[in-house]
Amino acid sequence: MEAALEISKEPPKALVVEDERDLTTLIAYHLERHGIRTTTAADGEIGLMLATRNEFDVIILDLMLPSVSGLEISRQIHARKQPAPPVVIVTAVSPEIVATIREKLFAEEVIFKPFKPQDLVNCVTTLIRRQQETASETNA
């Protein structure tokens, strides 16, 4: 079953902060296919700047990035933006290590590499849909 979003006025926006170019391309391709406008950053410093200066419906972060870690980006997003957009961590770090730092991640979901692109798309669309439902309940 393919996950698709109902698009209201503007398509949802995702920020992908990942230093592996092929993986970034793969993630962006699959999100765009599902109607999600995607902005990418190849290092943590650019990712942090984009995340704090722009509005995104979801942010997808690798944990191990050049210059600024995904952990630090997630922490700063949650410190600066209220409400903060949902964060999905995509990582090759072992599940045991992630379990020890889970409470510091400020992430709604953690997806371990390698993963199926459709699993990430399903996760992202669920988070965006949940956020849209919350916003419409707030505006009602």
N, C-alpha and C. Protein backbone atom coordinates (compact mmCIF):
# COMPACT_ATOMS: atom_id res chain seq x y z
N MET A 1 0.85 -1.17 0.00
CA MET A 1 0.00 0.00 0.00
C MET A 1 0.89 1.24 0.00
N GLU A 2 0.65 2.12 -0.92
CA GLU A 2 1.49 3.31 -1.06
C GLU A 2 0.95 4.44 -0.19
N ALA A 3 1.86 5.06 0.55
CA ALA A 3 1.47 6.17 1.42
C ALA A 3 1.41 7.44 0.59
N ALA A 4 0.30 8.13 0.66
CA ALA A 4 0.16 9.40 -0.05
C ALA A 4 -0.47 10.39 0.91
N LEU A 5 -0.12 11.64 0.73
CA LEU A 5 -0.66 12.68 1.59
C LEU A 5 -1.71 13.47 0.85
N GLU A 6 -2.72 13.88 1.60
CA GLU A 6 -3.67 14.83 1.04
C GLU A 6 -2.99 16.18 1.11
N ILE A 7 -2.90 16.81 -0.04
CA ILE A 7 -2.19 18.07 -0.08
C ILE A 7 -3.21 19.20 -0.09
N SER A 8 -3.08 20.07 0.90
CA SER A 8 -4.00 21.19 0.99
C SER A 8 -3.48 22.31 0.11
N LYS A 9 -3.04 23.40 0.71
CA LYS A 9 -2.59 24.56 -0.05
C LYS A 9 -1.18 24.37 -0.57
N GLU A 10 -0.29 23.95 0.28
CA GLU A 10 1.11 23.75 -0.09
C GLU A 10 1.52 22.33 0.23
N PRO A 11 2.45 21.79 -0.58
CA PRO A 11 2.93 20.44 -0.22
C PRO A 11 3.73 20.50 1.07
N PRO A 12 3.72 19.41 1.82
CA PRO A 12 4.53 19.35 3.03
C PRO A 12 6.00 19.49 2.68
N LYS A 13 6.78 19.98 3.64
CA LYS A 13 8.21 20.20 3.40
C LYS A 13 9.04 19.39 4.39
N ALA A 14 10.06 18.74 3.83
CA ALA A 14 10.98 17.95 4.65
C ALA A 14 12.40 18.46 4.46
N LEU A 15 13.16 18.44 5.53
CA LEU A 15 14.59 18.70 5.47
C LEU A 15 15.29 17.37 5.71
N VAL A 16 16.21 17.02 4.80
CA VAL A 16 17.00 15.80 4.94
C VAL A 16 18.45 16.22 5.15
N VAL A 17 19.00 15.87 6.31
CA VAL A 17 20.40 16.19 6.63
C VAL A 17 21.15 14.86 6.70
N GLU A 18 21.89 14.59 5.64
CA GLU A 18 22.56 13.30 5.47
C GLU A 18 23.82 13.53 4.64
N ASP A 19 24.96 12.99 5.08
CA ASP A 19 26.21 13.22 4.36
C ASP A 19 26.51 12.18 3.28
N GLU A 20 25.76 11.10 3.21
CA GLU A 20 25.93 10.11 2.15
C GLU A 20 25.08 10.54 0.95
N ARG A 21 25.76 11.01 -0.09
CA ARG A 21 25.07 11.60 -1.25
C ARG A 21 24.05 10.65 -1.88
N ASP A 22 24.43 9.38 -2.07
CA ASP A 22 23.50 8.43 -2.69
C ASP A 22 22.25 8.22 -1.84
N LEU A 23 22.43 8.16 -0.54
CA LEU A 23 21.29 7.98 0.35
C LEU A 23 20.41 9.23 0.37
N THR A 24 21.04 10.39 0.35
CA THR A 24 20.27 11.64 0.28
C THR A 24 19.41 11.67 -0.98
N THR A 25 20.01 11.31 -2.10
CA THR A 25 19.28 11.29 -3.38
C THR A 25 18.12 10.31 -3.32
N LEU A 26 18.36 9.13 -2.75
CA LEU A 26 17.32 8.10 -2.63
C LEU A 26 16.16 8.59 -1.76
N ILE A 27 16.48 9.15 -0.61
CA ILE A 27 15.45 9.65 0.31
C ILE A 27 14.64 10.75 -0.36
N ALA A 28 15.33 11.72 -0.95
CA ALA A 28 14.64 12.84 -1.60
C ALA A 28 13.74 12.36 -2.73
N TYR A 29 14.23 11.43 -3.51
CA TYR A 29 13.43 10.89 -4.63
C TYR A 29 12.12 10.29 -4.12
N HIS A 30 12.20 9.46 -3.10
CA HIS A 30 10.99 8.79 -2.59
C HIS A 30 10.04 9.76 -1.91
N LEU A 31 10.56 10.73 -1.18
CA LEU A 31 9.68 11.72 -0.55
C LEU A 31 8.99 12.58 -1.61
N GLU A 32 9.75 13.02 -2.61
CA GLU A 32 9.17 13.85 -3.69
C GLU A 32 8.08 13.08 -4.43
N ARG A 33 8.29 11.78 -4.64
CA ARG A 33 7.27 10.95 -5.31
C ARG A 33 5.96 10.94 -4.54
N HIS A 34 6.03 11.19 -3.24
CA HIS A 34 4.84 11.18 -2.39
C HIS A 34 4.37 12.60 -2.06
N GLY A 35 4.80 13.55 -2.86
CA GLY A 35 4.29 14.91 -2.72
C GLY A 35 4.92 15.73 -1.63
N ILE A 36 6.09 15.35 -1.17
CA ILE A 36 6.77 16.07 -0.09
C ILE A 36 7.94 16.85 -0.69
N ARG A 37 7.88 18.16 -0.61
CA ARG A 37 8.97 19.00 -1.10
C ARG A 37 10.17 18.80 -0.18
N THR A 38 11.33 18.53 -0.77
CA THR A 38 12.49 18.14 0.01
C THR A 38 13.66 19.10 -0.19
N THR A 39 14.24 19.52 0.92
CA THR A 39 15.48 20.31 0.94
C THR A 39 16.53 19.42 1.58
N THR A 40 17.75 19.45 1.04
CA THR A 40 18.80 18.58 1.57
C THR A 40 20.01 19.39 2.03
N ALA A 41 20.74 18.80 2.96
CA ALA A 41 22.00 19.37 3.44
C ALA A 41 22.96 18.21 3.66
N ALA A 42 24.22 18.41 3.27
CA ALA A 42 25.21 17.34 3.36
C ALA A 42 26.06 17.40 4.62
N ASP A 43 25.91 18.45 5.42
CA ASP A 43 26.64 18.49 6.69
C ASP A 43 25.79 19.15 7.76
N GLY A 44 26.22 18.95 9.00
CA GLY A 44 25.44 19.41 10.14
C GLY A 44 25.31 20.91 10.25
N GLU A 45 26.35 21.64 9.90
CA GLU A 45 26.30 23.10 10.02
C GLU A 45 25.24 23.69 9.09
N ILE A 46 25.23 23.24 7.84
CA ILE A 46 24.21 23.73 6.89
C ILE A 46 22.84 23.24 7.32
N GLY A 47 22.75 21.98 7.76
CA GLY A 47 21.47 21.44 8.21
C GLY A 47 20.89 22.22 9.37
N LEU A 48 21.74 22.58 10.33
CA LEU A 48 21.27 23.36 11.48
C LEU A 48 20.79 24.73 11.05
N MET A 49 21.53 25.38 10.16
CA MET A 49 21.12 26.69 9.67
C MET A 49 19.76 26.60 8.97
N LEU A 50 19.59 25.62 8.09
CA LEU A 50 18.32 25.46 7.38
C LEU A 50 17.19 25.15 8.34
N ALA A 51 17.45 24.27 9.30
CA ALA A 51 16.41 23.85 10.25
C ALA A 51 15.93 24.98 11.14
N THR A 52 16.83 25.89 11.50
CA THR A 52 16.43 26.96 12.41
C THR A 52 15.92 28.20 11.69
N ARG A 53 16.23 28.35 10.42
CA ARG A 53 15.79 29.55 9.67
C ARG A 53 14.58 29.32 8.79
N ASN A 54 14.16 28.08 8.62
CA ASN A 54 13.05 27.76 7.72
C ASN A 54 12.02 26.90 8.45
N GLU A 55 10.84 26.84 7.86
CA GLU A 55 9.78 26.01 8.42
C GLU A 55 9.71 24.69 7.65
N PHE A 56 9.79 23.59 8.37
CA PHE A 56 9.66 22.26 7.78
C PHE A 56 8.60 21.49 8.55
N ASP A 57 7.93 20.59 7.85
CA ASP A 57 6.92 19.75 8.48
C ASP A 57 7.54 18.53 9.15
N VAL A 58 8.74 18.16 8.70
CA VAL A 58 9.47 17.04 9.28
C VAL A 58 10.95 17.23 8.95
N ILE A 59 11.81 16.75 9.85
CA ILE A 59 13.26 16.82 9.63
C ILE A 59 13.83 15.42 9.79
N ILE A 60 14.60 15.00 8.80
CA ILE A 60 15.23 13.69 8.79
C ILE A 60 16.72 13.91 8.98
N LEU A 61 17.27 13.35 10.04
CA LEU A 61 18.66 13.59 10.42
C LEU A 61 19.47 12.31 10.53
N ASP A 62 20.66 12.34 9.97
CA ASP A 62 21.64 11.31 10.27
C ASP A 62 22.26 11.72 11.60
N LEU A 63 22.67 10.77 12.42
CA LEU A 63 23.30 11.11 13.70
C LEU A 63 24.75 11.56 13.52
N MET A 64 25.48 10.86 12.66
CA MET A 64 26.91 11.15 12.49
C MET A 64 27.11 12.00 11.23
N LEU A 65 27.28 13.29 11.45
CA LEU A 65 27.42 14.26 10.36
C LEU A 65 28.71 15.05 10.52
N PRO A 66 29.25 15.55 9.42
CA PRO A 66 30.38 16.47 9.54
C PRO A 66 29.95 17.78 10.20
N SER A 67 30.78 18.36 10.99
CA SER A 67 30.68 19.67 11.64
C SER A 67 29.74 19.72 12.84
N VAL A 68 28.49 19.37 12.71
CA VAL A 68 27.53 19.38 13.83
C VAL A 68 26.76 18.05 13.77
N SER A 69 26.67 17.36 14.88
CA SER A 69 26.00 16.05 14.89
C SER A 69 24.49 16.20 14.78
N GLY A 70 23.86 15.12 14.34
CA GLY A 70 22.40 15.09 14.29
C GLY A 70 21.79 15.25 15.67
N LEU A 71 22.46 14.72 16.68
CA LEU A 71 22.00 14.86 18.07
C LEU A 71 21.95 16.34 18.46
N GLU A 72 22.98 17.10 18.12
CA GLU A 72 23.03 18.53 18.45
C GLU A 72 22.00 19.31 17.64
N ILE A 73 21.82 18.96 16.38
CA ILE A 73 20.81 19.64 15.56
C ILE A 73 19.43 19.43 16.16
N SER A 74 19.11 18.20 16.51
CA SER A 74 17.81 17.90 17.10
C SER A 74 17.61 18.67 18.41
N ARG A 75 18.64 18.70 19.24
CA ARG A 75 18.55 19.43 20.51
C ARG A 75 18.29 20.92 20.27
N GLN A 76 19.01 21.51 19.34
CA GLN A 76 18.85 22.94 19.08
C GLN A 76 17.50 23.26 18.44
N ILE A 77 17.01 22.40 17.57
CA ILE A 77 15.68 22.61 16.97
C ILE A 77 14.64 22.67 18.08
N HIS A 78 14.70 21.72 19.00
CA HIS A 78 13.70 21.66 20.07
C HIS A 78 13.87 22.79 21.09
N ALA A 79 15.07 23.32 21.19
CA ALA A 79 15.28 24.45 22.10
C ALA A 79 14.79 25.76 21.48
N ARG A 80 14.84 25.88 20.16
CA ARG A 80 14.53 27.14 19.48
C ARG A 80 13.12 27.24 18.92
N LYS A 81 12.53 26.13 18.54
CA LYS A 81 11.23 26.17 17.85
C LYS A 81 10.17 25.48 18.70
N GLN A 82 9.10 26.19 18.95
CA GLN A 82 7.98 25.62 19.68
C GLN A 82 6.69 25.90 18.92
N PRO A 83 5.97 24.94 18.47
CA PRO A 83 6.33 23.53 18.55
C PRO A 83 7.40 23.18 17.51
N ALA A 84 8.26 22.28 17.85
CA ALA A 84 9.31 21.82 16.94
C ALA A 84 8.72 20.81 15.96
N PRO A 85 9.23 20.81 14.74
CA PRO A 85 8.75 19.80 13.79
C PRO A 85 9.21 18.41 14.23
N PRO A 86 8.49 17.38 13.84
CA PRO A 86 8.93 16.03 14.20
C PRO A 86 10.28 15.72 13.56
N VAL A 87 11.10 14.99 14.30
CA VAL A 87 12.43 14.60 13.84
C VAL A 87 12.48 13.08 13.70
N VAL A 88 13.02 12.64 12.56
CA VAL A 88 13.27 11.22 12.32
C VAL A 88 14.78 11.06 12.22
N ILE A 89 15.34 10.25 13.08
CA ILE A 89 16.77 9.95 13.04
C ILE A 89 16.98 8.74 12.15
N VAL A 90 17.90 8.86 11.19
CA VAL A 90 18.29 7.76 10.32
C VAL A 90 19.76 7.50 10.63
N THR A 91 20.08 6.29 11.09
CA THR A 91 21.43 6.07 11.58
C THR A 91 21.94 4.65 11.35
N ALA A 92 23.26 4.55 11.29
CA ALA A 92 23.94 3.25 11.25
C ALA A 92 24.47 2.88 12.62
N VAL A 93 24.29 3.76 13.59
CA VAL A 93 24.71 3.49 14.97
C VAL A 93 23.89 2.32 15.50
N SER A 94 24.51 1.48 16.30
CA SER A 94 23.82 0.28 16.78
C SER A 94 22.61 0.62 17.63
N PRO A 95 21.59 -0.25 17.59
CA PRO A 95 20.40 -0.02 18.42
C PRO A 95 20.74 0.08 19.91
N GLU A 96 21.76 -0.63 20.36
CA GLU A 96 22.13 -0.57 21.78
C GLU A 96 22.62 0.83 22.16
N ILE A 97 23.44 1.43 21.30
CA ILE A 97 23.93 2.78 21.57
C ILE A 97 22.78 3.78 21.51
N VAL A 98 21.93 3.64 20.51
CA VAL A 98 20.77 4.54 20.39
C VAL A 98 19.90 4.44 21.63
N ALA A 99 19.71 3.24 22.15
CA ALA A 99 18.88 3.06 23.34
C ALA A 99 19.44 3.85 24.52
N THR A 100 20.75 3.94 24.63
CA THR A 100 21.34 4.66 25.76
C THR A 100 21.21 6.18 25.63
N ILE A 101 21.07 6.67 24.41
CA ILE A 101 20.94 8.13 24.21
C ILE A 101 19.55 8.53 23.75
N ARG A 102 18.63 7.61 23.73
CA ARG A 102 17.28 7.85 23.17
C ARG A 102 16.62 9.10 23.74
N GLU A 103 16.68 9.29 25.05
CA GLU A 103 15.99 10.44 25.66
C GLU A 103 16.63 11.77 25.25
N LYS A 104 17.87 11.75 24.79
CA LYS A 104 18.55 12.98 24.36
C LYS A 104 18.33 13.29 22.89
N LEU A 105 17.69 12.38 22.16
CA LEU A 105 17.54 12.54 20.72
C LEU A 105 16.46 13.52 20.30
N PHE A 106 15.45 13.73 21.13
CA PHE A 106 14.31 14.57 20.77
C PHE A 106 13.73 14.13 19.43
N ALA A 107 13.66 12.83 19.21
CA ALA A 107 13.18 12.29 17.94
C ALA A 107 11.91 11.49 18.13
N GLU A 108 11.00 11.64 17.19
CA GLU A 108 9.77 10.85 17.23
C GLU A 108 10.04 9.42 16.79
N GLU A 109 10.97 9.25 15.85
CA GLU A 109 11.28 7.92 15.33
C GLU A 109 12.77 7.78 15.08
N VAL A 110 13.25 6.55 15.15
CA VAL A 110 14.62 6.21 14.77
C VAL A 110 14.52 5.07 13.77
N ILE A 111 15.17 5.26 12.63
CA ILE A 111 15.20 4.24 11.58
C ILE A 111 16.66 3.85 11.38
N PHE A 112 16.92 2.54 11.41
CA PHE A 112 18.29 2.06 11.31
C PHE A 112 18.64 1.70 9.87
N LYS A 113 19.85 2.10 9.47
CA LYS A 113 20.37 1.78 8.14
C LYS A 113 20.88 0.34 8.18
N PRO A 114 20.72 -0.41 7.11
CA PRO A 114 19.97 -0.07 5.89
C PRO A 114 18.47 -0.21 6.14
N PHE A 115 17.69 0.53 5.39
CA PHE A 115 16.24 0.49 5.54
C PHE A 115 15.60 0.50 4.17
N LYS A 116 14.33 0.12 4.14
CA LYS A 116 13.55 0.17 2.90
C LYS A 116 13.03 1.60 2.75
N PRO A 117 13.21 2.20 1.58
CA PRO A 117 12.72 3.58 1.39
C PRO A 117 11.24 3.73 1.75
N GLN A 118 10.43 2.72 1.45
CA GLN A 118 9.01 2.82 1.74
C GLN A 118 8.75 2.89 3.25
N ASP A 119 9.58 2.25 4.05
CA ASP A 119 9.42 2.34 5.50
C ASP A 119 9.64 3.77 5.97
N LEU A 120 10.65 4.44 5.42
CA LEU A 120 10.89 5.84 5.78
C LEU A 120 9.74 6.72 5.30
N VAL A 121 9.28 6.51 4.08
CA VAL A 121 8.16 7.29 3.55
C VAL A 121 6.93 7.11 4.43
N ASN A 122 6.63 5.89 4.80
CA ASN A 122 5.47 5.63 5.67
C ASN A 122 5.61 6.36 7.01
N CYS A 123 6.79 6.32 7.58
CA CYS A 123 7.05 7.01 8.84
C CYS A 123 6.84 8.51 8.69
N VAL A 124 7.43 9.09 7.66
CA VAL A 124 7.35 10.54 7.43
C VAL A 124 5.91 10.97 7.15
N THR A 125 5.21 10.24 6.30
CA THR A 125 3.83 10.64 5.98
C THR A 125 2.93 10.51 7.19
N THR A 126 3.17 9.51 8.03
CA THR A 126 2.38 9.37 9.27
C THR A 126 2.61 10.57 10.19
N LEU A 127 3.86 10.98 10.35
CA LEU A 127 4.17 12.13 11.21
C LEU A 127 3.57 13.41 10.65
N ILE A 128 3.64 13.60 9.35
CA ILE A 128 3.07 14.81 8.73
C ILE A 128 1.55 14.80 8.88
N ARG A 129 0.94 13.66 8.62
CA ARG A 129 -0.52 13.56 8.75
C ARG A 129 -0.95 13.86 10.18
N ARG A 130 -0.23 13.32 11.15
CA ARG A 130 -0.53 13.56 12.57
C ARG A 130 -0.41 15.05 12.89
N GLN A 131 0.62 15.68 12.35
CA GLN A 131 0.83 17.11 12.58
C GLN A 131 -0.30 17.93 11.94
N GLN A 132 -0.73 17.55 10.73
CA GLN A 132 -1.83 18.25 10.06
C GLN A 132 -3.13 18.11 10.83
N GLU A 133 -3.37 16.91 11.37
CA GLU A 133 -4.59 16.68 12.16
C GLU A 133 -4.57 17.54 13.43
N THR A 134 -3.42 17.61 14.08
CA THR A 134 -3.30 18.42 15.29
C THR A 134 -3.54 19.89 14.97
N ALA A 135 -2.98 20.36 13.85
CA ALA A 135 -3.15 21.77 13.45
C ALA A 135 -4.60 22.06 13.11
N SER A 136 -5.30 21.13 12.45
CA SER A 136 -6.69 21.40 12.10
C SER A 136 -7.58 21.36 13.34
N GLU A 137 -7.25 20.53 14.33
CA GLU A 137 -8.00 20.51 15.59
C GLU A 137 -7.78 21.82 16.37
N THR A 138 -6.57 22.32 16.31
CA THR A 138 -6.25 23.58 16.99
C THR A 138 -6.98 24.75 16.35
N ASN A 139 -7.12 24.72 15.02
CA ASN A 139 -7.78 25.81 14.29
C ASN A 139 -9.29 25.70 14.28
N ALA A 140 -9.83 24.57 14.71
CA ALA A 140 -11.29 24.36 14.66
C ALA A 140 -12.00 25.05 15.80
